[in-house]
Amino acid sequence: MAYTHYTEIPADVAERAARIRVVVFDVDGTLTDGRLWYGEDGRETKVFHVHDGLGLKRLQENGIKVAIITARISHPVSLRAEELGIQHVYQGQKDKRATLNALLEALNLAPEQAAFVGDDLPDLPAMGISGLAVAVANAHPWVAERAHWRTRLTGGYGAAREVADLILAAQGKAEAERDRWL
């Protein structure tokens, strides 16, 4: 379940989240559960959670850019990003830190204005320069211990929605978002 009690957000995390202007997500293990599915024809399939998708759309609707930086190249990622209106999609990126730096330069943002959400070792360099480093609940222990905040839910099962809820709450936009749906 996503954050329902915004008072549970530690003060230092809330301060970091209040500055965020772009949220960058890894894919496998973060936006998905990390399993790789291949059909008999060799085509890859991925499963994305609808709650995460709405969270990403809500971020964008509130003026926060969303980006994807992933080491793998996958057609399902392109399809999901297009469906959600995510314009900044970087696949096949082995150096996520360099890619994040290039994105920040293109958006004219400082590292403290970026959140990076990851789960495994290749995410550490990008998390290390981000103003808000988030590890999903099932992240590798070395990643979790270097994160500023850790989700309650695992990758692919609502973790991205938790991040969206956290940022919107820290920026004072959660109540208006809730009221918009009532």
C-alpha atoms as a PDB file:
ATOM      1  CA  MET A   1       0.000   0.000   0.000  1.00  0.00           C
ATOM      2  CA  ALA A   2       1.305   3.438  -0.872  1.00  0.00           C
ATOM      3  CA  TYR A   3       1.894   6.103   1.735  1.00  0.00           C
ATOM      4  CA  THR A   4      -1.367   7.103   3.337  1.00  0.00           C
ATOM      5  CA  HIS A   5       0.158   8.906   6.309  1.00  0.00           C
ATOM      6  CA  TYR A   6       2.382  11.606   4.902  1.00  0.00           C
ATOM      7  CA  THR A   7       3.561  12.452   8.397  1.00  0.00           C
ATOM      8  CA  GLU A   8       5.585   9.230   8.215  1.00  0.00           C
ATOM      9  CA  ILE A   9       8.017  10.800   5.771  1.00  0.00           C
ATOM     10  CA  PRO A  10      11.318  11.546   7.544  1.00  0.00           C
ATOM     11  CA  ALA A  11      12.086  15.281   7.539  1.00  0.00           C
ATOM     12  CA  ASP A  12      15.340  14.943   5.581  1.00  0.00           C
ATOM     13  CA  VAL A  13      13.621  12.845   2.894  1.00  0.00           C
ATOM     14  CA  ALA A  14      10.746  15.339   2.662  1.00  0.00           C
ATOM     15  CA  GLU A  15      13.247  18.181   2.177  1.00  0.00           C
ATOM     16  CA  ARG A  16      14.989  16.268  -0.599  1.00  0.00           C
ATOM     17  CA  ALA A  17      11.688  15.303  -2.253  1.00  0.00           C
ATOM     18  CA  ALA A  18      10.454  18.899  -2.185  1.00  0.00           C
ATOM     19  CA  ARG A  19      13.300  19.907  -4.545  1.00  0.00           C
ATOM     20  CA  ILE A  20      12.682  17.192  -7.152  1.00  0.00           C
ATOM     21  CA  ARG A  21      11.936  18.291 -10.740  1.00  0.00           C
ATOM     22  CA  VAL A  22      12.741  15.005 -12.517  1.00  0.00           C
ATOM     23  CA  VAL A  23      12.278  11.417 -11.346  1.00  0.00           C
ATOM     24  CA  VAL A  24      14.377   8.812 -13.126  1.00  0.00           C
ATOM     25  CA  PHE A  25      13.517   5.128 -12.990  1.00  0.00           C
ATOM     26  CA  ASP A  26      15.472   2.008 -13.753  1.00  0.00           C
ATOM     27  CA  VAL A  27      13.206  -0.619 -15.339  1.00  0.00           C
ATOM     28  CA  ASP A  28      13.990  -4.241 -14.499  1.00  0.00           C
ATOM     29  CA  GLY A  29      13.416  -4.762 -10.789  1.00  0.00           C
ATOM     30  CA  THR A  30      12.067  -1.232 -10.328  1.00  0.00           C
ATOM     31  CA  LEU A  31       9.193  -0.661 -12.765  1.00  0.00           C
ATOM     32  CA  THR A  32       8.914  -4.452 -13.182  1.00  0.00           C
ATOM     33  CA  ASP A  33       9.424  -7.314 -10.749  1.00  0.00           C
ATOM     34  CA  GLY A  34      12.797  -8.011 -12.327  1.00  0.00           C
ATOM     35  CA  ARG A  35      11.913 -11.272 -14.020  1.00  0.00           C
ATOM     36  CA  LEU A  36      12.627 -11.579 -17.734  1.00  0.00           C
ATOM     37  CA  TRP A  37       9.943 -13.320 -19.779  1.00  0.00           C
ATOM     38  CA  TYR A  38      10.671 -14.731 -23.236  1.00  0.00           C
ATOM     39  CA  GLY A  39       8.165 -16.352 -25.566  1.00  0.00           C
ATOM     40  CA  GLU A  40       8.937 -19.337 -27.770  1.00  0.00           C
ATOM     41  CA  ASP A  41       9.664 -16.901 -30.593  1.00  0.00           C
ATOM     42  CA  GLY A  42      12.305 -15.148 -28.464  1.00  0.00           C
ATOM     43  CA  ARG A  43      10.240 -12.017 -27.922  1.00  0.00           C
ATOM     44  CA  GLU A  44      10.513 -10.379 -24.553  1.00  0.00           C
ATOM     45  CA  THR A  45       7.456  -9.559 -22.461  1.00  0.00           C
ATOM     46  CA  LYS A  46       7.320  -7.324 -19.402  1.00  0.00           C
ATOM     47  CA  VAL A  47       4.595  -6.723 -16.854  1.00  0.00           C
ATOM     48  CA  PHE A  48       3.992  -3.211 -15.522  1.00  0.00           C
ATOM     49  CA  HIS A  49       1.689  -2.316 -12.639  1.00  0.00           C
ATOM     50  CA  VAL A  50      -1.189   0.041 -13.431  1.00  0.00           C
ATOM     51  CA  HIS A  51      -0.776   1.832 -10.074  1.00  0.00           C
ATOM     52  CA  ASP A  52       2.777   2.742 -11.022  1.00  0.00           C
ATOM     53  CA  GLY A  53       1.579   4.068 -14.373  1.00  0.00           C
ATOM     54  CA  LEU A  54      -0.950   6.388 -12.767  1.00  0.00           C
ATOM     55  CA  GLY A  55       1.703   7.606 -10.355  1.00  0.00           C
ATOM     56  CA  LEU A  56       4.027   8.480 -13.227  1.00  0.00           C
ATOM     57  CA  LYS A  57       1.243  10.301 -15.063  1.00  0.00           C
ATOM     58  CA  ARG A  58       0.380  12.234 -11.891  1.00  0.00           C
ATOM     59  CA  LEU A  59       3.983  13.353 -11.525  1.00  0.00           C
ATOM     60  CA  GLN A  60       3.972  14.661 -15.089  1.00  0.00           C
ATOM     61  CA  GLU A  61       0.605  16.371 -14.632  1.00  0.00           C
ATOM     62  CA  ASN A  62       2.113  18.190 -11.658  1.00  0.00           C
ATOM     63  CA  GLY A  63       5.076  19.505 -13.639  1.00  0.00           C
ATOM     64  CA  ILE A  64       7.621  16.874 -12.621  1.00  0.00           C
ATOM     65  CA  LYS A  65       9.424  15.232 -15.491  1.00  0.00           C
ATOM     66  CA  VAL A  66       9.743  11.453 -15.602  1.00  0.00           C
ATOM     67  CA  ALA A  67      12.616   9.627 -17.268  1.00  0.00           C
ATOM     68  CA  ILE A  68      13.780   6.061 -17.760  1.00  0.00           C
ATOM     69  CA  ILE A  69      17.416   4.981 -17.801  1.00  0.00           C
ATOM     70  CA  THR A  70      17.964   1.264 -18.301  1.00  0.00           C
ATOM     71  CA  ALA A  71      20.901  -0.901 -19.297  1.00  0.00           C
ATOM     72  CA  ARG A  72      18.777  -3.218 -21.411  1.00  0.00           C
ATOM     73  CA  ILE A  73      16.968  -2.495 -24.667  1.00  0.00           C
ATOM     74  CA  SER A  74      13.371  -3.656 -24.725  1.00  0.00           C
ATOM     75  CA  HIS A  75      10.478  -2.914 -27.052  1.00  0.00           C
ATOM     76  CA  PRO A  76       7.908  -3.286 -24.224  1.00  0.00           C
ATOM     77  CA  VAL A  77       9.684  -0.431 -22.382  1.00  0.00           C
ATOM     78  CA  SER A  78       9.312   1.795 -25.445  1.00  0.00           C
ATOM     79  CA  LEU A  79       5.629   0.937 -25.689  1.00  0.00           C
ATOM     80  CA  ARG A  80       4.939   1.607 -22.004  1.00  0.00           C
ATOM     81  CA  ALA A  81       6.879   4.881 -22.042  1.00  0.00           C
ATOM     82  CA  GLU A  82       4.942   6.054 -25.095  1.00  0.00           C
ATOM     83  CA  GLU A  83       1.645   5.083 -23.475  1.00  0.00           C
ATOM     84  CA  LEU A  84       2.526   7.107 -20.369  1.00  0.00           C
ATOM     85  CA  GLY A  85       3.883  10.092 -22.307  1.00  0.00           C
ATOM     86  CA  ILE A  86       7.423   9.680 -20.978  1.00  0.00           C
ATOM     87  CA  GLN A  87       9.656  11.614 -23.360  1.00  0.00           C
ATOM     88  CA  HIS A  88      13.048  10.919 -21.787  1.00  0.00           C
ATOM     89  CA  VAL A  89      13.795   7.229 -22.388  1.00  0.00           C
ATOM     90  CA  TYR A  90      17.380   5.992 -22.478  1.00  0.00           C
ATOM     91  CA  GLN A  91      17.822   2.290 -23.184  1.00  0.00           C
ATOM     92  CA  GLY A  92      21.060   0.359 -23.558  1.00  0.00           C
ATOM     93  CA  GLN A  93      22.836   2.647 -21.082  1.00  0.00           C
ATOM     94  CA  LYS A  94      25.657   0.926 -19.222  1.00  0.00           C
ATOM     95  CA  ASP A  95      26.809   4.179 -17.579  1.00  0.00           C
ATOM     96  CA  LYS A  96      23.661   5.435 -15.894  1.00  0.00           C
ATOM     97  CA  ARG A  97      25.516   8.229 -14.110  1.00  0.00           C
ATOM     98  CA  ALA A  98      26.761   9.717 -17.381  1.00  0.00           C
ATOM     99  CA  THR A  99      23.293   9.386 -18.885  1.00  0.00           C
ATOM    100  CA  LEU A 100      21.727  11.077 -15.866  1.00  0.00           C
ATOM    101  CA  ASN A 101      24.283  13.903 -16.069  1.00  0.00           C
ATOM    102  CA  ALA A 102      23.459  14.402 -19.763  1.00  0.00           C
ATOM    103  CA  LEU A 103      19.730  14.452 -18.975  1.00  0.00           C
ATOM    104  CA  LEU A 104      20.229  17.007 -16.206  1.00  0.00           C
ATOM    105  CA  GLU A 105      22.274  19.185 -18.528  1.00  0.00           C
ATOM    106  CA  ALA A 106      19.607  18.961 -21.241  1.00  0.00           C
ATOM    107  CA  LEU A 107      16.887  19.885 -18.729  1.00  0.00           C
ATOM    108  CA  ASN A 108      19.043  22.588 -17.118  1.00  0.00           C
ATOM    109  CA  LEU A 109      18.632  20.976 -13.697  1.00  0.00           C
ATOM    110  CA  ALA A 110      21.034  20.407 -10.809  1.00  0.00           C
ATOM    111  CA  PRO A 111      21.629  16.898  -9.418  1.00  0.00           C
ATOM    112  CA  GLU A 112      19.765  17.777  -6.204  1.00  0.00           C
ATOM    113  CA  GLN A 113      16.642  18.308  -8.342  1.00  0.00           C
ATOM    114  CA  ALA A 114      16.736  14.680  -9.518  1.00  0.00           C
ATOM    115  CA  ALA A 115      15.463  11.519  -7.885  1.00  0.00           C
ATOM    116  CA  PHE A 116      16.778   8.166  -9.086  1.00  0.00           C
ATOM    117  CA  VAL A 117      14.865   4.980  -8.292  1.00  0.00           C
ATOM    118  CA  GLY A 118      16.762   1.717  -8.562  1.00  0.00           C
ATOM    119  CA  ASP A 119      17.243  -1.776  -7.259  1.00  0.00           C
ATOM    120  CA  ASP A 120      20.636  -3.157  -8.206  1.00  0.00           C
ATOM    121  CA  LEU A 121      24.339  -2.392  -8.474  1.00  0.00           C
ATOM    122  CA  PRO A 122      24.309  -0.677 -11.920  1.00  0.00           C
ATOM    123  CA  ASP A 123      21.985   1.955 -10.365  1.00  0.00           C
ATOM    124  CA  LEU A 124      24.429   2.997  -7.630  1.00  0.00           C
ATOM    125  CA  PRO A 125      26.437   5.566  -9.639  1.00  0.00           C
ATOM    126  CA  ALA A 126      23.297   7.462 -10.699  1.00  0.00           C
ATOM    127  CA  MET A 127      21.807   7.197  -7.229  1.00  0.00           C
ATOM    128  CA  GLY A 128      25.045   8.573  -5.811  1.00  0.00           C
ATOM    129  CA  ILE A 129      24.684  11.927  -7.563  1.00  0.00           C
ATOM    130  CA  SER A 130      20.918  12.281  -7.124  1.00  0.00           C
ATOM    131  CA  GLY A 131      19.305  14.605  -4.643  1.00  0.00           C
ATOM    132  CA  LEU A 132      16.937  11.790  -3.696  1.00  0.00           C
ATOM    133  CA  ALA A 133      18.172   8.220  -4.086  1.00  0.00           C
ATOM    134  CA  VAL A 134      15.367   5.682  -3.703  1.00  0.00           C
ATOM    135  CA  ALA A 135      15.694   1.917  -3.407  1.00  0.00           C
ATOM    136  CA  VAL A 136      12.687  -0.311  -3.924  1.00  0.00           C
ATOM    137  CA  ALA A 137      11.851  -2.746  -1.121  1.00  0.00           C
ATOM    138  CA  ASN A 138      13.481  -5.693  -2.878  1.00  0.00           C
ATOM    139  CA  ALA A 139      16.677  -3.824  -3.782  1.00  0.00           C
ATOM    140  CA  HIS A 140      20.054  -5.435  -3.296  1.00  0.00           C
ATOM    141  CA  PRO A 141      21.303  -4.669   0.241  1.00  0.00           C
ATOM    142  CA  TRP A 142      24.205  -2.540  -1.037  1.00  0.00           C
ATOM    143  CA  VAL A 143      21.727  -0.392  -2.933  1.00  0.00           C
ATOM    144  CA  ALA A 144      19.280  -0.164  -0.031  1.00  0.00           C
ATOM    145  CA  GLU A 145      21.965   0.975   2.400  1.00  0.00           C
ATOM    146  CA  ARG A 146      22.993   3.833   0.096  1.00  0.00           C
ATOM    147  CA  ALA A 147      19.479   5.103  -0.556  1.00  0.00           C
ATOM    148  CA  HIS A 148      17.969   8.117   1.154  1.00  0.00           C
ATOM    149  CA  TRP A 149      14.615   6.350   1.225  1.00  0.00           C
ATOM    150  CA  ARG A 150      13.282   2.833   0.621  1.00  0.00           C
ATOM    151  CA  THR A 151       9.798   1.957  -0.611  1.00  0.00           C
ATOM    152  CA  ARG A 152       7.558  -0.450   1.262  1.00  0.00           C
ATOM    153  CA  LEU A 153       6.469  -2.168  -1.946  1.00  0.00           C
ATOM    154  CA  THR A 154       8.702  -4.114  -4.296  1.00  0.00           C
ATOM    155  CA  GLY A 155       9.608  -3.212  -7.844  1.00  0.00           C
ATOM    156  CA  GLY A 156       6.784  -3.880 -10.269  1.00  0.00           C
ATOM    157  CA  TYR A 157       4.202  -3.992  -7.481  1.00  0.00           C
ATOM    158  CA  GLY A 158       3.567  -0.319  -6.718  1.00  0.00           C
ATOM    159  CA  ALA A 159       6.988   0.961  -5.656  1.00  0.00           C
ATOM    160  CA  ALA A 160       6.971   3.660  -8.348  1.00  0.00           C
ATOM    161  CA  ARG A 161       3.566   4.817  -7.131  1.00  0.00           C
ATOM    162  CA  GLU A 162       4.977   5.168  -3.620  1.00  0.00           C
ATOM    163  CA  VAL A 163       7.734   7.383  -4.987  1.00  0.00           C
ATOM    164  CA  ALA A 164       5.193   9.533  -6.837  1.00  0.00           C
ATOM    165  CA  ASP A 165       3.042   9.806  -3.705  1.00  0.00           C
ATOM    166  CA  LEU A 166       6.080  10.727  -1.604  1.00  0.00           C
ATOM    167  CA  ILE A 167       7.187  13.504  -3.951  1.00  0.00           C
ATOM    168  CA  LEU A 168       3.708  14.931  -4.421  1.00  0.00           C
ATOM    169  CA  ALA A 169       3.188  14.936  -0.640  1.00  0.00           C
ATOM    170  CA  ALA A 170       6.537  16.600   0.027  1.00  0.00           C
ATOM    171  CA  GLN A 171       5.708  19.288  -2.519  1.00  0.00           C
ATOM    172  CA  GLY A 172       2.306  19.974  -0.961  1.00  0.00           C
ATOM    173  CA  LYS A 173       0.396  18.601  -3.958  1.00  0.00           C
ATOM    174  CA  ALA A 174      -1.029  15.377  -2.500  1.00  0.00           C
ATOM    175  CA  GLU A 175      -4.190  16.844  -0.993  1.00  0.00           C
ATOM    176  CA  ALA A 176      -5.137  18.634  -4.223  1.00  0.00           C
ATOM    177  CA  GLU A 177      -4.469  15.410  -6.124  1.00  0.00           C
ATOM    178  CA  ARG A 178      -6.750  13.475  -3.780  1.00  0.00           C
ATOM    179  CA  ASP A 179      -9.478  16.100  -3.983  1.00  0.00           C
ATOM    180  CA  ARG A 180      -9.269  16.097  -7.772  1.00  0.00           C
ATOM    181  CA  TRP A 181     -10.370  12.458  -7.771  1.00  0.00           C
ATOM    182  CA  LEU A 182     -13.195  12.870  -5.249  1.00  0.00           C
END
